Amino acid sequence: MLTTDSSPERVLYRKGYRYVAGVDEAGRGPLAGPVVAAAVILDPARPIEGLADSKKLSEARRDALAPIIRERALAWALGRAEVEEIDRINILQASLLAMRRAVLALSTPPEFALIDGNRCPELPCPSEAVVKGDSRVAAISAASIIAKVARDREMVELDAQYPGYGLAGHKGYPSPAHLAALERLGVTPIHRRSFGPVRRLLEAADV
């Protein structure tokens, strides 16, 4: 259950923190496209029903919740790391960079940040990593939804620029259809060259 009395969020509220940011990312696993992070500071006086790990919600439910989160949150922001950055510094460091950018973009500086996972980016405020945070902390769940919706919509737009790969459907993840399209059509500028399936194709083509 999200935001129980013992959740990290509630503990921080009881300690007097008001501006607690939840931070999560979307897009660590895909072969194509950026990694997108979101930071959200929820308003405890305006709770949002139905928050959960974005991966456990339907696309329709995420699309319905995203505008509610944006409207009720005290602050929210997106951050990202591009394909070139992912290939240069690796996906873990790129994910942390996107998270840092999201937090720094918040219109209200957070007093504390709760980060999904087991690593925290370098931030100007105290932070804590929360394993499975998107299922345990409402603000992290909200961030996971905002990040996922934003990235999915971008992948739909990229599908129009790079037809034939099915990006609107699989969102860049290594589905059989995506892998078959890569074999058939080749690697595009939005594909992550450091990821195994893409790298092997490039090596086979001696590019």
Protein backbone atom coordinates (compact mmCIF):
# COMPACT_ATOMS: atom_id res chain seq x y z
CA MET A 1 0.00 0.00 0.00
CA LEU A 2 1.27 3.46 -0.87
CA THR A 3 2.02 6.05 1.80
CA THR A 4 1.33 3.97 4.90
CA ASP A 5 2.23 5.46 8.28
CA SER A 6 5.63 3.76 8.06
CA SER A 7 6.39 4.76 4.47
CA PRO A 8 9.48 6.94 3.91
CA GLU A 9 7.18 9.78 2.84
CA ARG A 10 5.13 9.76 6.04
CA VAL A 11 8.27 9.53 8.16
CA LEU A 12 9.65 12.63 6.48
CA TYR A 13 6.36 14.52 6.83
CA ARG A 14 6.33 13.75 10.55
CA LYS A 15 9.87 15.09 10.81
CA GLY A 16 8.65 18.40 9.42
CA TYR A 17 9.63 18.11 5.78
CA ARG A 18 7.02 19.61 3.45
CA TYR A 19 8.66 19.50 0.03
CA VAL A 20 9.48 15.83 -0.50
CA ALA A 21 10.25 14.88 -4.09
CA GLY A 22 9.68 11.44 -5.51
CA VAL A 23 11.97 10.58 -8.42
CA ASP A 24 11.81 7.77 -10.98
CA GLU A 25 12.79 7.07 -14.56
CA ALA A 26 11.38 5.31 -17.60
CA GLY A 27 13.36 3.74 -20.39
CA ARG A 28 16.36 1.92 -18.94
CA GLY A 29 15.69 -1.28 -20.89
CA PRO A 30 14.81 -0.15 -24.43
CA LEU A 31 17.21 -0.37 -27.38
CA ALA A 32 16.11 3.03 -28.69
CA GLY A 33 15.24 6.48 -27.45
CA PRO A 34 16.19 8.55 -24.41
CA VAL A 35 15.84 7.68 -20.75
CA VAL A 36 13.31 10.07 -19.19
CA ALA A 37 13.02 10.86 -15.48
CA ALA A 38 10.44 12.76 -13.49
CA ALA A 39 10.49 14.43 -10.10
CA VAL A 40 7.20 15.13 -8.32
CA ILE A 41 6.44 16.95 -5.06
CA LEU A 42 2.95 15.92 -4.02
CA ASP A 43 0.62 18.02 -1.90
CA PRO A 44 -0.31 15.97 1.19
CA ALA A 45 -3.54 17.97 1.40
CA ARG A 46 -4.58 16.82 -2.09
CA PRO A 47 -4.09 13.03 -2.21
CA ILE A 48 -4.46 11.23 -5.52
CA GLU A 49 -6.34 7.94 -5.60
CA GLY A 50 -5.03 5.08 -7.69
CA LEU A 51 -1.30 5.78 -7.64
CA ALA A 52 0.78 2.67 -8.25
CA ASP A 53 3.88 1.50 -10.04
CA SER A 54 3.37 2.72 -13.62
CA LYS A 55 4.32 -0.70 -15.00
CA LYS A 56 1.35 -2.23 -13.17
CA LEU A 57 -1.15 0.26 -14.60
CA SER A 58 -2.75 0.12 -18.02
CA GLU A 59 -1.81 2.75 -20.57
CA ALA A 60 -5.30 4.23 -20.27
CA ARG A 61 -4.99 4.47 -16.49
CA ARG A 62 -1.58 6.13 -16.72
CA ASP A 63 -2.91 8.60 -19.28
CA ALA A 64 -5.82 9.41 -16.95
CA LEU A 65 -3.65 9.87 -13.86
CA ALA A 66 -0.89 11.96 -15.46
CA PRO A 67 -2.89 15.21 -15.82
CA ILE A 68 -4.29 14.80 -12.30
CA ILE A 69 -0.76 14.47 -10.94
CA ARG A 70 0.40 17.51 -12.88
CA GLU A 71 -2.57 19.55 -11.67
CA ARG A 72 -2.47 18.58 -7.98
CA ALA A 73 1.28 18.36 -7.39
CA LEU A 74 3.06 21.23 -5.69
CA ALA A 75 5.73 20.87 -8.38
CA TRP A 76 6.76 18.43 -11.10
CA ALA A 77 9.47 18.34 -13.75
CA LEU A 78 11.04 16.09 -16.36
CA GLY A 79 14.69 15.35 -17.02
CA ARG A 80 16.30 13.22 -19.69
CA ALA A 81 19.50 11.75 -21.03
CA GLU A 82 19.90 11.32 -24.76
CA VAL A 83 21.03 8.26 -26.68
CA GLU A 84 24.50 9.74 -27.18
CA GLU A 85 24.85 10.20 -23.41
CA ILE A 86 23.62 6.68 -22.71
CA ASP A 87 26.22 5.27 -25.08
CA ARG A 88 28.97 7.45 -23.63
CA ILE A 89 28.46 7.03 -19.88
CA ASN A 90 26.29 3.84 -19.70
CA ILE A 91 22.60 3.48 -18.92
CA LEU A 92 22.93 3.52 -15.13
CA GLN A 93 24.86 6.81 -15.10
CA ALA A 94 22.52 8.24 -17.75
CA SER A 95 19.50 7.32 -15.62
CA LEU A 96 21.03 9.04 -12.59
CA LEU A 97 21.83 12.07 -14.75
CA ALA A 98 18.23 12.26 -15.99
CA MET A 99 16.99 12.05 -12.40
CA ARG A 100 19.33 14.83 -11.32
CA ARG A 101 18.13 17.01 -14.19
CA ALA A 102 14.51 16.39 -13.22
CA VAL A 103 15.10 17.39 -9.61
CA LEU A 104 17.05 20.50 -10.60
CA ALA A 105 14.22 21.52 -12.94
CA LEU A 106 11.60 21.59 -10.16
CA SER A 107 10.10 25.05 -9.64
CA THR A 108 10.09 24.39 -5.89
CA PRO A 109 13.43 23.11 -4.57
CA PRO A 110 12.82 19.91 -2.60
CA GLU A 111 13.91 19.59 1.01
CA PHE A 112 14.39 15.84 0.55
CA ALA A 113 14.30 13.46 -2.42
CA LEU A 114 13.18 9.83 -2.42
CA ILE A 115 14.71 7.95 -5.35
CA ASP A 116 13.37 4.73 -6.82
CA GLY A 117 16.00 1.99 -6.79
CA ASN A 118 19.22 1.48 -4.87
CA ARG A 119 21.30 4.44 -6.06
CA CYS A 120 20.88 8.18 -5.64
CA PRO A 121 22.04 10.83 -8.11
CA GLU A 122 24.14 13.70 -6.87
CA LEU A 123 21.65 16.27 -5.61
CA PRO A 124 21.72 19.58 -3.72
CA CYS A 125 19.32 18.17 -1.10
CA PRO A 126 19.37 15.08 1.15
CA SER A 127 18.14 11.95 -0.58
CA GLU A 128 17.35 8.31 0.06
CA ALA A 129 17.12 5.39 -2.33
CA VAL A 130 13.98 3.27 -1.93
CA VAL A 131 13.98 -0.20 -3.48
CA LYS A 132 10.61 -0.81 -5.18
CA GLY A 133 9.81 2.78 -4.31
CA ASP A 134 7.28 3.07 -7.12
CA SER A 135 5.13 0.57 -5.20
CA ARG A 136 5.83 2.02 -1.74
CA VAL A 137 5.97 5.81 -2.03
CA ALA A 138 3.17 7.87 -3.57
CA ALA A 139 5.48 10.60 -4.88
CA ILE A 140 7.74 8.04 -6.58
CA SER A 141 4.70 6.33 -8.09
CA ALA A 142 3.53 9.70 -9.40
CA ALA A 143 6.98 10.32 -10.88
CA SER A 144 7.00 6.89 -12.52
CA ILE A 145 3.66 7.64 -14.18
CA ILE A 146 4.71 11.10 -15.40
CA ALA A 147 8.00 9.76 -16.79
CA LYS A 148 6.41 6.74 -18.47
CA VAL A 149 3.63 8.77 -20.13
CA ALA A 150 6.09 11.40 -21.38
CA ARG A 151 8.50 8.83 -22.80
CA ASP A 152 5.77 6.72 -24.42
CA ARG A 153 4.38 9.76 -26.19
CA GLU A 154 7.83 10.65 -27.48
CA MET A 155 8.28 7.14 -28.83
CA VAL A 156 4.98 7.47 -30.71
CA GLU A 157 6.34 10.65 -32.30
CA LEU A 158 9.61 8.90 -33.17
CA ASP A 159 7.61 6.11 -34.81
CA ALA A 160 6.45 8.62 -37.40
CA GLN A 161 10.06 9.67 -38.06
CA TYR A 162 11.35 6.09 -38.25
CA PRO A 163 8.51 4.00 -39.71
CA GLY A 164 8.75 0.25 -39.87
CA TYR A 165 10.30 -0.37 -36.45
CA GLY A 166 7.04 -0.45 -34.51
CA LEU A 167 8.23 2.09 -31.94
CA ALA A 168 4.68 3.21 -31.12
CA GLY A 169 3.89 -0.32 -30.01
CA HIS A 170 6.94 -1.64 -28.17
CA LYS A 171 8.32 1.83 -27.21
CA GLY A 172 11.84 0.76 -28.13
CA TYR A 173 12.03 -2.36 -25.98
CA PRO A 174 13.71 -5.44 -27.49
CA SER A 175 10.57 -7.24 -28.63
CA PRO A 176 10.82 -9.89 -31.36
CA ALA A 177 9.20 -7.45 -33.81
CA HIS A 178 11.74 -4.76 -32.95
CA LEU A 179 14.70 -7.11 -33.30
CA ALA A 180 13.37 -8.36 -36.64
CA ALA A 181 12.95 -4.77 -37.86
CA LEU A 182 16.52 -3.95 -36.84
CA GLU A 183 17.76 -6.94 -38.84
CA ARG A 184 15.68 -5.88 -41.83
CA LEU A 185 16.03 -2.08 -41.79
CA GLY A 186 19.24 -1.46 -39.90
CA VAL A 187 20.25 0.80 -37.02
CA THR A 188 18.89 4.36 -36.77
CA PRO A 189 20.34 7.41 -34.98
CA ILE A 190 17.95 6.84 -32.08
CA HIS A 191 19.24 3.33 -31.35
CA ARG A 192 21.61 2.77 -28.44
CA ARG A 193 24.83 1.51 -29.95
CA SER A 194 26.19 0.29 -26.61
CA PHE A 195 23.31 -2.17 -26.12
CA GLY A 196 24.07 -5.76 -27.08
CA PRO A 197 21.60 -6.44 -29.92
CA VAL A 198 22.41 -3.12 -31.61
CA ARG A 199 26.14 -3.44 -31.06
CA ARG A 200 26.19 -6.94 -32.53
CA LEU A 201 24.36 -5.78 -35.65
CA LEU A 202 26.85 -2.96 -36.14
CA GLU A 203 29.80 -5.28 -35.61
CA ALA A 204 28.35 -7.76 -38.10
CA ALA A 205 28.03 -4.97 -40.65
CA ASP A 206 31.55 -3.79 -39.74
CA VAL A 207 30.28 -0.25 -39.15
